[in-house]
C-alpha atoms as a PDB file:
ATOM      1  CA  MET A   1       0.062  -0.078  -0.100  1.00  0.00           C
ATOM      2  CA  THR A   2       1.397   3.487  -0.975  1.00  0.00           C
ATOM      3  CA  VAL A   3       1.299   6.362   1.596  1.00  0.00           C
ATOM      4  CA  GLU A   4      -1.425   7.835  -1.157  1.00  0.00           C
ATOM      5  CA  ASP A   5      -3.728   4.701  -0.901  1.00  0.00           C
ATOM      6  CA  TYR A   6      -3.239   4.954   3.020  1.00  0.00           C
ATOM      7  CA  PHE A   7      -4.516   8.672   3.331  1.00  0.00           C
ATOM      8  CA  THR A   8      -7.233   8.071   0.477  1.00  0.00           C
ATOM      9  CA  LYS A   9      -8.786   4.766   2.468  1.00  0.00           C
ATOM     10  CA  SER A  10      -8.250   6.240   6.120  1.00  0.00           C
ATOM     11  CA  ARG A  11      -8.873   9.357   8.139  1.00  0.00           C
ATOM     12  CA  ALA A  12      -7.663  10.312  11.671  1.00  0.00           C
ATOM     13  CA  GLY A  13      -9.803  13.172  13.214  1.00  0.00           C
ATOM     14  CA  LYS A  14     -12.359  15.440  11.396  1.00  0.00           C
ATOM     15  CA  SER A  15     -10.088  17.335   9.423  1.00  0.00           C
ATOM     16  CA  PRO A  16      -8.774  15.625   5.701  1.00  0.00           C
ATOM     17  CA  ALA A  17      -5.054  14.924   5.641  1.00  0.00           C
ATOM     18  CA  TYR A  18      -2.595  17.355   3.448  1.00  0.00           C
ATOM     19  CA  PHE A  19       0.914  16.735   1.997  1.00  0.00           C
ATOM     20  CA  LEU A  20       3.233  19.508   2.122  1.00  0.00           C
ATOM     21  CA  VAL A  21       4.793  19.366  -1.340  1.00  0.00           C
ATOM     22  CA  GLU A  22       8.113  20.976  -2.761  1.00  0.00           C
ATOM     23  CA  LYS A  23       7.635  21.588  -6.548  1.00  0.00           C
ATOM     24  CA  SER A  24      10.527  20.394  -8.638  1.00  0.00           C
ATOM     25  CA  ILE A  25      11.873  20.004 -12.094  1.00  0.00           C
ATOM     26  CA  SER A  26      11.035  16.583 -12.658  1.00  0.00           C
ATOM     27  CA  GLU A  27       7.901  15.659 -10.153  1.00  0.00           C
ATOM     28  CA  PRO A  28       6.473  17.067  -7.018  1.00  0.00           C
ATOM     29  CA  ILE A  29       8.243  16.118  -3.928  1.00  0.00           C
ATOM     30  CA  ARG A  30       6.172  15.000  -0.792  1.00  0.00           C
ATOM     31  CA  VAL A  31       7.947  16.606   2.046  1.00  0.00           C
ATOM     32  CA  ALA A  32       5.558  15.927   5.039  1.00  0.00           C
ATOM     33  CA  VAL A  33       1.709  14.649   5.540  1.00  0.00           C
ATOM     34  CA  PHE A  34      -0.142  16.506   8.282  1.00  0.00           C
ATOM     35  CA  TYR A  35      -3.155  14.331   9.874  1.00  0.00           C
ATOM     36  CA  GLY A  36      -4.746  13.974  13.077  1.00  0.00           C
ATOM     37  CA  TYR A  37      -4.880  17.532  13.986  1.00  0.00           C
ATOM     38  CA  GLU A  38      -8.141  19.926  14.253  1.00  0.00           C
ATOM     39  CA  ASN A  39      -7.296  21.907  11.227  1.00  0.00           C
ATOM     40  CA  ASN A  40      -4.455  20.092   8.981  1.00  0.00           C
ATOM     41  CA  GLU A  41      -4.750  22.248   6.232  1.00  0.00           C
ATOM     42  CA  LYS A  42      -4.215  25.716   8.353  1.00  0.00           C
ATOM     43  CA  LEU A  43      -1.084  23.968   9.859  1.00  0.00           C
ATOM     44  CA  CYS A  44       0.251  22.801   6.467  1.00  0.00           C
ATOM     45  CA  ASN A  45      -0.014  26.287   5.173  1.00  0.00           C
ATOM     46  CA  GLU A  46       1.637  27.637   7.916  1.00  0.00           C
ATOM     47  CA  LEU A  47       4.586  25.562   7.306  1.00  0.00           C
ATOM     48  CA  VAL A  48       4.274  26.383   3.852  1.00  0.00           C
ATOM     49  CA  GLU A  49       4.761  30.037   4.935  1.00  0.00           C
ATOM     50  CA  LEU A  50       7.641  29.031   7.077  1.00  0.00           C
ATOM     51  CA  TYR A  51       9.495  26.859   4.560  1.00  0.00           C
ATOM     52  CA  MET A  52       9.209  29.644   1.997  1.00  0.00           C
ATOM     53  CA  GLU A  53      10.731  32.217   4.217  1.00  0.00           C
ATOM     54  CA  ARG A  54      13.680  29.946   4.969  1.00  0.00           C
ATOM     55  CA  TYR A  55      14.206  28.629   1.471  1.00  0.00           C
ATOM     56  CA  PRO A  56      12.963  31.517  -0.797  1.00  0.00           C
ATOM     57  CA  LEU A  57      14.158  29.930  -4.182  1.00  0.00           C
ATOM     58  CA  SER A  58      12.040  26.930  -3.601  1.00  0.00           C
ATOM     59  CA  ARG A  59       8.099  26.557  -3.912  1.00  0.00           C
ATOM     60  CA  TYR A  60       5.965  24.729  -1.580  1.00  0.00           C
ATOM     61  CA  TYR A  61       2.079  24.209  -1.425  1.00  0.00           C
ATOM     62  CA  CYS A  62      -0.185  22.049   0.494  1.00  0.00           C
ATOM     63  CA  ALA A  63      -2.306  18.933  -1.435  1.00  0.00           C
ATOM     64  CA  LEU A  64      -5.319  17.095  -0.227  1.00  0.00           C
ATOM     65  CA  ALA A  65      -4.102  13.596   0.882  1.00  0.00           C
ATOM     66  CA  ASN A  66      -7.679  12.219   1.143  1.00  0.00           C
ATOM     67  CA  GLU A  67     -11.363  13.336   0.894  1.00  0.00           C
END
């Protein structure tokens, strides 16, 4: 079972899981996953801001891991 399959089929808490993703030349890189928190999307976006401040040449975004 892949990580994607796991989060598509399971859920921890009321908030859907989110991947923190780094854009790359070849394909997106999943850096972290947020699940089990009250608001996974908010937490993920807060880390996007922190990563963008620390690594200004890199681009990050949050992607839904399950629905």
